[in-house]
């Protein structure tokens, strides 16, 4: 099955609705087949209404895809509350609460969680709470393995 063909078919409609199409996957669990479509908009959380709007818009497009079996479940979903953030989109999350995983230790740790204060192509600056003390941490971009949104409790 050519998932790129399906992604290219769906992408313009998803973009017209104000979202980014992150991935399309086709898989089976038991006797059921699923087409999973993951969307995001990077700025605000995806609501259930957003999921329904995208599902309703792309469902008719999928009717003409001969590679899909007649029996599949369309699962439109978001990338989640703790989604990974591509570095090229990180500037949109200034003031957001994030976790940065590093390829090498910085100040004795490979994970830093806090509020993103600044981001440049060379480094990001975060405010973190370390044992009740608010500190600023500067992280070189070249040692960043990944960045995720974080939940604050």
Foldseek 3Di string as FASTA:
>chain_A
DPQVVLCVLLQVVQVVLQKGWDGWDWDDDVPAIEIETEIGNLQDDQDPVNQVVSCVRCVVVCVPVPVDDPGHYYHYYYCDQWHWDPLVSCQSQQQAWKKWAWQDDDPRDRIFTAGWHDDDQFWTWGWGQDPNDTDIDIGGPVGTPTMIGDDDD
